[in-house]
PDB file of all heavy atoms in Angstrom:
ATOM      1  N   VAL A   1     -75.797  12.284  41.685  1.00  0.00           N
ATOM      2  CA  VAL A   1     -77.187  12.708  41.887  1.00  0.00           C
ATOM      3  C   VAL A   1     -77.388  14.168  41.510  1.00  0.00           C
ATOM      4  O   VAL A   1     -78.390  14.540  40.881  1.00  0.00           O
ATOM      5  CB  VAL A   1     -77.624  12.464  43.345  1.00  0.00           C
ATOM      6  CG1 VAL A   1     -79.001  13.055  43.602  1.00  0.00           C
ATOM      7  CG2 VAL A   1     -77.643  10.980  43.642  1.00  0.00           C
ATOM      8  N   GLU A   2     -76.440  15.030  41.862  1.00  0.00           N
ATOM      9  CA  GLU A   2     -76.591  16.451  41.562  1.00  0.00           C
ATOM     10  C   GLU A   2     -76.533  16.729  40.060  1.00  0.00           C
ATOM     11  O   GLU A   2     -76.902  17.810  39.618  1.00  0.00           O
ATOM     12  CB  GLU A   2     -75.521  17.257  42.276  1.00  0.00           C
ATOM     13  CG  GLU A   2     -74.099  16.914  41.852  1.00  0.00           C
ATOM     14  CD  GLU A   2     -73.058  17.675  42.660  1.00  0.00           C
ATOM     15  OE1 GLU A   2     -73.362  18.076  43.791  1.00  0.00           O
ATOM     16  OE2 GLU A   2     -71.945  17.854  42.143  1.00  0.00           O
ATOM     17  N   ARG A   3     -76.077  15.752  39.286  1.00  0.00           N
ATOM     18  CA  ARG A   3     -76.022  15.908  37.824  1.00  0.00           C
ATOM     19  C   ARG A   3     -77.204  15.226  37.122  1.00  0.00           C
ATOM     20  O   ARG A   3     -77.269  15.219  35.897  1.00  0.00           O
ATOM     21  CB  ARG A   3     -74.715  15.330  37.279  1.00  0.00           C
ATOM     22  CG  ARG A   3     -73.477  16.097  37.737  1.00  0.00           C
ATOM     23  CD  ARG A   3     -72.204  15.398  37.263  1.00  0.00           C
ATOM     24  NE  ARG A   3     -71.021  16.177  37.615  1.00  0.00           N
ATOM     25  CZ  ARG A   3     -70.409  17.030  36.798  1.00  0.00           C
ATOM     26  NH1 ARG A   3     -70.879  17.210  35.570  1.00  0.00           N
ATOM     27  NH2 ARG A   3     -69.344  17.689  37.185  1.00  0.00           N
ATOM     28  N   LEU A   4     -78.105  14.639  37.902  1.00  0.00           N
ATOM     29  CA  LEU A   4     -79.261  13.959  37.316  1.00  0.00           C
ATOM     30  C   LEU A   4     -80.228  14.986  36.731  1.00  0.00           C
ATOM     31  O   LEU A   4     -80.739  15.851  37.436  1.00  0.00           O
ATOM     32  CB  LEU A   4     -79.965  13.127  38.383  1.00  0.00           C
ATOM     33  CG  LEU A   4     -81.237  12.395  37.957  1.00  0.00           C
ATOM     34  CD1 LEU A   4     -80.950  11.376  36.854  1.00  0.00           C
ATOM     35  CD2 LEU A   4     -81.885  11.716  39.163  1.00  0.00           C
ATOM     36  N   GLU A   5     -80.475  14.896  35.433  1.00  0.00           N
ATOM     37  CA  GLU A   5     -81.342  15.859  34.757  1.00  0.00           C
ATOM     38  C   GLU A   5     -82.695  15.275  34.381  1.00  0.00           C
ATOM     39  O   GLU A   5     -83.689  15.985  34.338  1.00  0.00           O
ATOM     40  CB  GLU A   5     -80.659  16.384  33.491  1.00  0.00           C
ATOM     41  CG  GLU A   5     -79.412  17.209  33.756  1.00  0.00           C
ATOM     42  CD  GLU A   5     -78.825  17.798  32.491  1.00  0.00           C
ATOM     43  OE1 GLU A   5     -79.094  17.261  31.395  1.00  0.00           O
ATOM     44  OE2 GLU A   5     -78.101  18.805  32.586  1.00  0.00           O
ATOM     45  N   MET A   6     -82.743  13.974  34.086  1.00  0.00           N
ATOM     46  CA  MET A   6     -83.993  13.377  33.600  1.00  0.00           C
ATOM     47  C   MET A   6     -83.984  11.885  33.912  1.00  0.00           C
ATOM     48  O   MET A   6     -82.956  11.235  33.882  1.00  0.00           O
ATOM     49  CB  MET A   6     -84.117  13.605  32.084  1.00  0.00           C
ATOM     50  CG  MET A   6     -85.344  12.949  31.459  1.00  0.00           C
ATOM     51  SD  MET A   6     -85.098  11.196  31.015  1.00  0.00           S
ATOM     52  CE  MET A   6     -83.988  11.350  29.624  1.00  0.00           C
ATOM     53  N   CYS A   7     -85.171  11.359  34.231  1.00  0.00           N
ATOM     54  CA  CYS A   7     -85.340   9.913  34.372  1.00  0.00           C
ATOM     55  C   CYS A   7     -86.815   9.598  34.160  1.00  0.00           C
ATOM     56  O   CYS A   7     -87.676  10.191  34.816  1.00  0.00           O
ATOM     57  CB  CYS A   7     -84.890   9.438  35.753  1.00  0.00           C
ATOM     58  SG  CYS A   7     -84.970   7.626  35.946  1.00  0.00           S
ATOM     59  N   HIS A   8     -87.119   8.709  33.234  1.00  0.00           N
ATOM     60  CA  HIS A   8     -88.509   8.316  33.027  1.00  0.00           C
ATOM     61  C   HIS A   8     -88.598   6.920  32.435  1.00  0.00           C
ATOM     62  O   HIS A   8     -87.601   6.346  31.989  1.00  0.00           O
ATOM     63  CB  HIS A   8     -89.260   9.328  32.156  1.00  0.00           C
ATOM     64  CG  HIS A   8     -88.732   9.442  30.747  1.00  0.00           C
ATOM     65  ND1 HIS A   8     -87.939  10.479  30.329  1.00  0.00           N
ATOM     66  CD2 HIS A   8     -88.906   8.641  29.660  1.00  0.00           C
ATOM     67  CE1 HIS A   8     -87.637  10.323  29.059  1.00  0.00           C
ATOM     68  NE2 HIS A   8     -88.205   9.215  28.632  1.00  0.00           N
ATOM     69  N   VAL A   9     -89.813   6.381  32.449  1.00  0.00           N
ATOM     70  CA  VAL A   9     -90.099   5.050  31.910  1.00  0.00           C
ATOM     71  C   VAL A   9     -90.505   5.203  30.452  1.00  0.00           C
ATOM     72  O   VAL A   9     -91.337   6.050  30.116  1.00  0.00           O
ATOM     73  CB  VAL A   9     -91.225   4.369  32.720  1.00  0.00           C
ATOM     74  CG1 VAL A   9     -91.565   3.002  32.111  1.00  0.00           C
ATOM     75  CG2 VAL A   9     -90.806   4.215  34.172  1.00  0.00           C
ATOM     76  N   LEU A  10     -89.934   4.377  29.595  1.00  0.00           N
ATOM     77  CA  LEU A  10     -90.219   4.445  28.165  1.00  0.00           C
ATOM     78  C   LEU A  10     -91.415   3.542  27.827  1.00  0.00           C
ATOM     79  O   LEU A  10     -91.254   2.335  27.640  1.00  0.00           O
ATOM     80  CB  LEU A  10     -88.993   4.014  27.349  1.00  0.00           C
ATOM     81  CG  LEU A  10     -87.797   4.966  27.396  1.00  0.00           C
ATOM     82  CD1 LEU A  10     -86.603   4.338  26.674  1.00  0.00           C
ATOM     83  CD2 LEU A  10     -88.145   6.291  26.750  1.00  0.00           C
ATOM     84  N   VAL A  11     -92.578   4.153  27.760  1.00  0.00           N
ATOM     85  CA  VAL A  11     -93.778   3.397  27.373  1.00  0.00           C
ATOM     86  C   VAL A  11     -93.811   3.201  25.864  1.00  0.00           C
ATOM     87  O   VAL A  11     -94.220   2.152  25.357  1.00  0.00           O
ATOM     88  CB  VAL A  11     -95.052   4.134  27.852  1.00  0.00           C
ATOM     89  CG1 VAL A  11     -96.302   3.375  27.435  1.00  0.00           C
ATOM     90  CG2 VAL A  11     -95.019   4.303  29.364  1.00  0.00           C
ATOM     91  N   THR A  12     -93.364   4.226  25.136  1.00  0.00           N
ATOM     92  CA  THR A  12     -93.241   4.130  23.682  1.00  0.00           C
ATOM     93  C   THR A  12     -91.870   4.638  23.279  1.00  0.00           C
ATOM     94  O   THR A  12     -91.266   5.472  23.953  1.00  0.00           O
ATOM     95  CB  THR A  12     -94.315   4.972  22.962  1.00  0.00           C
ATOM     96  OG1 THR A  12     -94.196   6.344  23.367  1.00  0.00           O
ATOM     97  CG2 THR A  12     -95.702   4.466  23.290  1.00  0.00           C
ATOM     98  N   GLY A  13     -91.382   4.141  22.137  1.00  0.00           N
ATOM     99  CA  GLY A  13     -90.098   4.589  21.625  1.00  0.00           C
ATOM    100  C   GLY A  13     -90.284   5.367  20.344  1.00  0.00           C
ATOM    101  O   GLY A  13     -91.328   5.982  20.115  1.00  0.00           O
ATOM    102  N   GLU A  14     -89.263   5.348  19.507  1.00  0.00           N
ATOM    103  CA  GLU A  14     -89.340   6.057  18.244  1.00  0.00           C
ATOM    104  C   GLU A  14     -90.454   5.477  17.366  1.00  0.00           C
ATOM    105  O   GLU A  14     -90.733   4.280  17.401  1.00  0.00           O
ATOM    106  CB  GLU A  14     -87.999   5.966  17.514  1.00  0.00           C
ATOM    107  CG  GLU A  14     -86.865   6.688  18.229  1.00  0.00           C
ATOM    108  CD  GLU A  14     -85.569   6.627  17.446  1.00  0.00           C
ATOM    109  OE1 GLU A  14     -85.589   6.100  16.310  1.00  0.00           O
ATOM    110  OE2 GLU A  14     -84.536   7.092  17.961  1.00  0.00           O
ATOM    111  N   ASP A  15     -91.081   6.349  16.593  1.00  0.00           N
ATOM    112  CA  ASP A  15     -92.182   5.945  15.702  1.00  0.00           C
ATOM    113  C   ASP A  15     -93.306   5.270  16.469  1.00  0.00           C
ATOM    114  O   ASP A  15     -93.991   4.375  15.947  1.00  0.00           O
ATOM    115  CB  ASP A  15     -91.671   5.013  14.590  1.00  0.00           C
ATOM    116  CG  ASP A  15     -90.601   5.674  13.737  1.00  0.00           C
ATOM    117  OD1 ASP A  15     -90.723   6.894  13.487  1.00  0.00           O
ATOM    118  OD2 ASP A  15     -89.655   4.985  13.334  1.00  0.00           O
ATOM    119  N   ASP A  16     -93.490   5.678  17.751  1.00  0.00           N
ATOM    120  CA  ASP A  16     -94.562   5.138  18.600  1.00  0.00           C
ATOM    121  C   ASP A  16     -94.480   3.627  18.782  1.00  0.00           C
ATOM    122  O   ASP A  16     -95.489   2.951  18.992  1.00  0.00           O
ATOM    123  CB  ASP A  16     -95.935   5.521  18.027  1.00  0.00           C
ATOM    124  CG  ASP A  16     -96.188   7.019  18.100  1.00  0.00           C
ATOM    125  OD1 ASP A  16     -95.697   7.651  19.053  1.00  0.00           O
ATOM    126  OD2 ASP A  16     -96.857   7.552  17.196  1.00  0.00           O
ATOM    127  N   PHE A  17     -93.266   3.079  18.700  1.00  0.00           N
ATOM    128  CA  PHE A  17     -93.073   1.651  18.942  1.00  0.00           C
ATOM    129  C   PHE A  17     -93.340   1.356  20.412  1.00  0.00           C
ATOM    130  O   PHE A  17     -92.730   1.958  21.300  1.00  0.00           O
ATOM    131  CB  PHE A  17     -91.635   1.247  18.577  1.00  0.00           C
ATOM    132  CG  PHE A  17     -91.377  -0.230  18.677  1.00  0.00           C
ATOM    133  CD1 PHE A  17     -91.724  -1.085  17.645  1.00  0.00           C
ATOM    134  CD2 PHE A  17     -90.780  -0.766  19.810  1.00  0.00           C
ATOM    135  CE1 PHE A  17     -91.478  -2.443  17.731  1.00  0.00           C
ATOM    136  CE2 PHE A  17     -90.534  -2.119  19.913  1.00  0.00           C
ATOM    137  CZ  PHE A  17     -90.884  -2.961  18.870  1.00  0.00           C
ATOM    138  N   LEU A  18     -94.247   0.453  20.693  1.00  0.00           N
ATOM    139  CA  LEU A  18     -94.664   0.170  22.067  1.00  0.00           C
ATOM    140  C   LEU A  18     -93.586  -0.594  22.832  1.00  0.00           C
ATOM    141  O   LEU A  18     -93.011  -1.562  22.327  1.00  0.00           O
ATOM    142  CB  LEU A  18     -95.962  -0.626  22.070  1.00  0.00           C
ATOM    143  CG  LEU A  18     -97.201   0.087  21.507  1.00  0.00           C
ATOM    144  CD1 LEU A  18     -98.401  -0.849  21.514  1.00  0.00           C
ATOM    145  CD2 LEU A  18     -97.499   1.355  22.291  1.00  0.00           C
ATOM    146  N   GLY A  19     -93.355  -0.146  24.068  1.00  0.00           N
ATOM    147  CA  GLY A  19     -92.364  -0.807  24.896  1.00  0.00           C
ATOM    148  C   GLY A  19     -92.684  -2.265  25.154  1.00  0.00           C
ATOM    149  O   GLY A  19     -91.787  -3.099  25.298  1.00  0.00           O
ATOM    150  N   GLU A  20     -93.973  -2.598  25.218  1.00  0.00           N
ATOM    151  CA  GLU A  20     -94.361  -3.981  25.475  1.00  0.00           C
ATOM    152  C   GLU A  20     -93.994  -4.916  24.330  1.00  0.00           C
ATOM    153  O   GLU A  20     -93.944  -6.134  24.494  1.00  0.00           O
ATOM    154  CB  GLU A  20     -95.861  -4.074  25.742  1.00  0.00           C
ATOM    155  CG  GLU A  20     -96.734  -3.706  24.555  1.00  0.00           C
ATOM    156  CD  GLU A  20     -98.206  -3.769  24.888  1.00  0.00           C
ATOM    157  OE1 GLU A  20     -98.789  -4.869  24.755  1.00  0.00           O
ATOM    158  OE2 GLU A  20     -98.768  -2.742  25.297  1.00  0.00           O
ATOM    159  N   HIS A  21     -93.728  -4.363  23.143  1.00  0.00           N
ATOM    160  CA  HIS A  21     -93.313  -5.178  22.019  1.00  0.00           C
ATOM    161  C   HIS A  21     -91.804  -5.425  22.017  1.00  0.00           C
ATOM    162  O   HIS A  21     -91.308  -6.245  21.250  1.00  0.00           O
ATOM    163  CB  HIS A  21     -93.720  -4.519  20.699  1.00  0.00           C
ATOM    164  CG  HIS A  21     -95.198  -4.458  20.506  1.00  0.00           C
ATOM    165  ND1 HIS A  21     -95.806  -3.657  19.569  1.00  0.00           N
ATOM    166  CD2 HIS A  21     -96.202  -5.105  21.156  1.00  0.00           C
ATOM    167  CE1 HIS A  21     -97.121  -3.807  19.642  1.00  0.00           C
ATOM    168  NE2 HIS A  21     -97.388  -4.680  20.598  1.00  0.00           N
ATOM    169  N   ALA A  22     -91.085  -4.692  22.858  1.00  0.00           N
ATOM    170  CA  ALA A  22     -89.634  -4.831  22.918  1.00  0.00           C
ATOM    171  C   ALA A  22     -89.202  -5.797  24.015  1.00  0.00           C
ATOM    172  O   ALA A  22     -88.181  -6.475  23.901  1.00  0.00           O
ATOM    173  CB  ALA A  22     -88.978  -3.469  23.147  1.00  0.00           C
ATOM    174  N   SER A  23     -89.978  -5.859  25.097  1.00  0.00           N
ATOM    175  CA  SER A  23     -89.581  -6.676  26.245  1.00  0.00           C
ATOM    176  C   SER A  23     -90.788  -6.910  27.132  1.00  0.00           C
ATOM    177  O   SER A  23     -91.822  -6.271  26.982  1.00  0.00           O
ATOM    178  CB  SER A  23     -88.482  -5.959  27.029  1.00  0.00           C
ATOM    179  OG  SER A  23     -88.213  -6.621  28.253  1.00  0.00           O
ATOM    180  N   ASP A  24     -90.634  -7.834  28.089  1.00  0.00           N
ATOM    181  CA  ASP A  24     -91.708  -8.032  29.066  1.00  0.00           C
ATOM    182  C   ASP A  24     -91.622  -6.988  30.181  1.00  0.00           C
ATOM    183  O   ASP A  24     -92.476  -6.940  31.064  1.00  0.00           O
ATOM    184  CB  ASP A  24     -91.661  -9.446  29.645  1.00  0.00           C
ATOM    185  CG  ASP A  24     -90.336  -9.767  30.316  1.00  0.00           C
ATOM    186  OD1 ASP A  24     -89.307  -9.233  29.856  1.00  0.00           O
ATOM    187  OD2 ASP A  24     -90.316 -10.557  31.280  1.00  0.00           O
ATOM    188  N   HIS A  25     -90.568  -6.136  30.157  1.00  0.00           N
ATOM    189  CA  HIS A  25     -90.447  -5.000  31.066  1.00  0.00           C
ATOM    190  C   HIS A  25     -90.353  -3.721  30.247  1.00  0.00           C
ATOM    191  O   HIS A  25     -89.809  -3.721  29.135  1.00  0.00           O
ATOM    192  CB  HIS A  25     -89.173  -5.088  31.921  1.00  0.00           C
ATOM    193  CG  HIS A  25     -89.146  -6.222  32.884  1.00  0.00           C
ATOM    194  ND1 HIS A  25     -88.780  -6.076  34.202  1.00  0.00           N
ATOM    195  CD2 HIS A  25     -89.421  -7.540  32.729  1.00  0.00           C
ATOM    196  CE1 HIS A  25     -88.836  -7.238  34.818  1.00  0.00           C
ATOM    197  NE2 HIS A  25     -89.219  -8.147  33.934  1.00  0.00           N
ATOM    198  N   LEU A  26     -90.845  -2.616  30.800  1.00  0.00           N
ATOM    199  CA  LEU A  26     -90.635  -1.317  30.177  1.00  0.00           C
ATOM    200  C   LEU A  26     -89.262  -0.792  30.580  1.00  0.00           C
ATOM    201  O   LEU A  26     -88.832  -0.976  31.723  1.00  0.00           O
ATOM    202  CB  LEU A  26     -91.718  -0.325  30.616  1.00  0.00           C
ATOM    203  CG  LEU A  26     -93.147  -0.652  30.187  1.00  0.00           C
ATOM    204  CD1 LEU A  26     -94.125   0.348  30.798  1.00  0.00           C
ATOM    205  CD2 LEU A  26     -93.270  -0.652  28.663  1.00  0.00           C
ATOM    206  N   ALA A  27     -88.594  -0.145  29.648  1.00  0.00           N
ATOM    207  CA  ALA A  27     -87.250   0.361  29.910  1.00  0.00           C
ATOM    208  C   ALA A  27     -87.298   1.646  30.737  1.00  0.00           C
ATOM    209  O   ALA A  27     -88.269   2.399  30.692  1.00  0.00           O
ATOM    210  CB  ALA A  27     -86.530   0.619  28.588  1.00  0.00           C
ATOM    211  N   VAL A  28     -86.230   1.876  31.485  1.00  0.00           N
ATOM    212  CA  VAL A  28     -86.061   3.117  32.244  1.00  0.00           C
ATOM    213  C   VAL A  28     -84.838   3.829  31.695  1.00  0.00           C
ATOM    214  O   VAL A  28     -83.805   3.199  31.441  1.00  0.00           O
ATOM    215  CB  VAL A  28     -85.870   2.834  33.752  1.00  0.00           C
ATOM    216  CG1 VAL A  28     -85.782   4.137  34.539  1.00  0.00           C
ATOM    217  CG2 VAL A  28     -86.995   1.968  34.276  1.00  0.00           C
ATOM    218  N   THR A  29     -84.951   5.131  31.494  1.00  0.00           N
ATOM    219  CA  THR A  29     -83.828   5.899  30.959  1.00  0.00           C
ATOM    220  C   THR A  29     -83.536   7.096  31.855  1.00  0.00           C
ATOM    221  O   THR A  29     -84.421   7.609  32.533  1.00  0.00           O
ATOM    222  CB  THR A  29     -84.130   6.387  29.524  1.00  0.00           C
ATOM    223  OG1 THR A  29     -82.998   7.092  29.006  1.00  0.00           O
ATOM    224  CG2 THR A  29     -85.337   7.305  29.496  1.00  0.00           C
ATOM    225  N   ALA A  30     -82.271   7.513  31.868  1.00  0.00           N
ATOM    226  CA  ALA A  30     -81.871   8.674  32.675  1.00  0.00           C
ATOM    227  C   ALA A  30     -80.787   9.443  31.939  1.00  0.00           C
ATOM    228  O   ALA A  30     -80.050   8.881  31.128  1.00  0.00           O
ATOM    229  CB  ALA A  30     -81.371   8.237  34.047  1.00  0.00           C
ATOM    230  N   GLU A  31     -80.699  10.730  32.223  1.00  0.00           N
ATOM    231  CA  GLU A  31     -79.645  11.577  31.663  1.00  0.00           C
ATOM    232  C   GLU A  31     -78.922  12.287  32.805  1.00  0.00           C
ATOM    233  O   GLU A  31     -79.545  12.793  33.734  1.00  0.00           O
ATOM    234  CB  GLU A  31     -80.220  12.622  30.702  1.00  0.00           C
ATOM    235  CG  GLU A  31     -80.719  12.034  29.391  1.00  0.00           C
ATOM    236  CD  GLU A  31     -81.205  13.104  28.423  1.00  0.00           C
ATOM    237  OE1 GLU A  31     -81.083  14.307  28.753  1.00  0.00           O
ATOM    238  OE2 GLU A  31     -81.713  12.740  27.355  1.00  0.00           O
ATOM    239  N   PHE A  32     -77.592  12.311  32.693  1.00  0.00           N
ATOM    240  CA  PHE A  32     -76.760  13.005  33.665  1.00  0.00           C
ATOM    241  C   PHE A  32     -75.932  14.061  32.935  1.00  0.00           C
ATOM    242  O   PHE A  32     -75.517  13.862  31.799  1.00  0.00           O
ATOM    243  CB  PHE A  32     -75.812  12.029  34.369  1.00  0.00           C
ATOM    244  CG  PHE A  32     -76.519  10.975  35.170  1.00  0.00           C
ATOM    245  CD1 PHE A  32     -76.958   9.797  34.575  1.00  0.00           C
ATOM    246  CD2 PHE A  32     -76.766  11.154  36.523  1.00  0.00           C
ATOM    247  CE1 PHE A  32     -77.598   8.816  35.302  1.00  0.00           C
ATOM    248  CE2 PHE A  32     -77.420  10.182  37.270  1.00  0.00           C
ATOM    249  CZ  PHE A  32     -77.835   9.012  36.652  1.00  0.00           C
ATOM    250  N   GLY A  33     -75.684  15.180  33.586  1.00  0.00           N
ATOM    251  CA  GLY A  33     -74.874  16.220  32.992  1.00  0.00           C
ATOM    252  C   GLY A  33     -75.169  17.546  33.670  1.00  0.00           C
ATOM    253  O   GLY A  33     -75.847  17.605  34.689  1.00  0.00           O
ATOM    254  N   LEU A  34     -74.645  18.610  33.105  1.00  0.00           N
ATOM    255  CA  LEU A  34     -74.962  19.958  33.581  1.00  0.00           C
ATOM    256  C   LEU A  34     -75.482  20.750  32.401  1.00  0.00           C
ATOM    257  O   LEU A  34     -74.803  20.862  31.365  1.00  0.00           O
ATOM    258  CB  LEU A  34     -73.726  20.641  34.173  1.00  0.00           C
ATOM    259  CG  LEU A  34     -73.223  20.069  35.505  1.00  0.00           C
ATOM    260  CD1 LEU A  34     -71.970  20.800  35.953  1.00  0.00           C
ATOM    261  CD2 LEU A  34     -74.298  20.191  36.583  1.00  0.00           C
TER     262      LEU A  34
END
């Protein structure tokens, strides 16, 4: 937890590709590190 830097829901991806076109759920992403 102390290394958690970012976490968000991917509504759009690269080139504005809509998350709804990839799956019936939006993806969640997180980054850990210092």
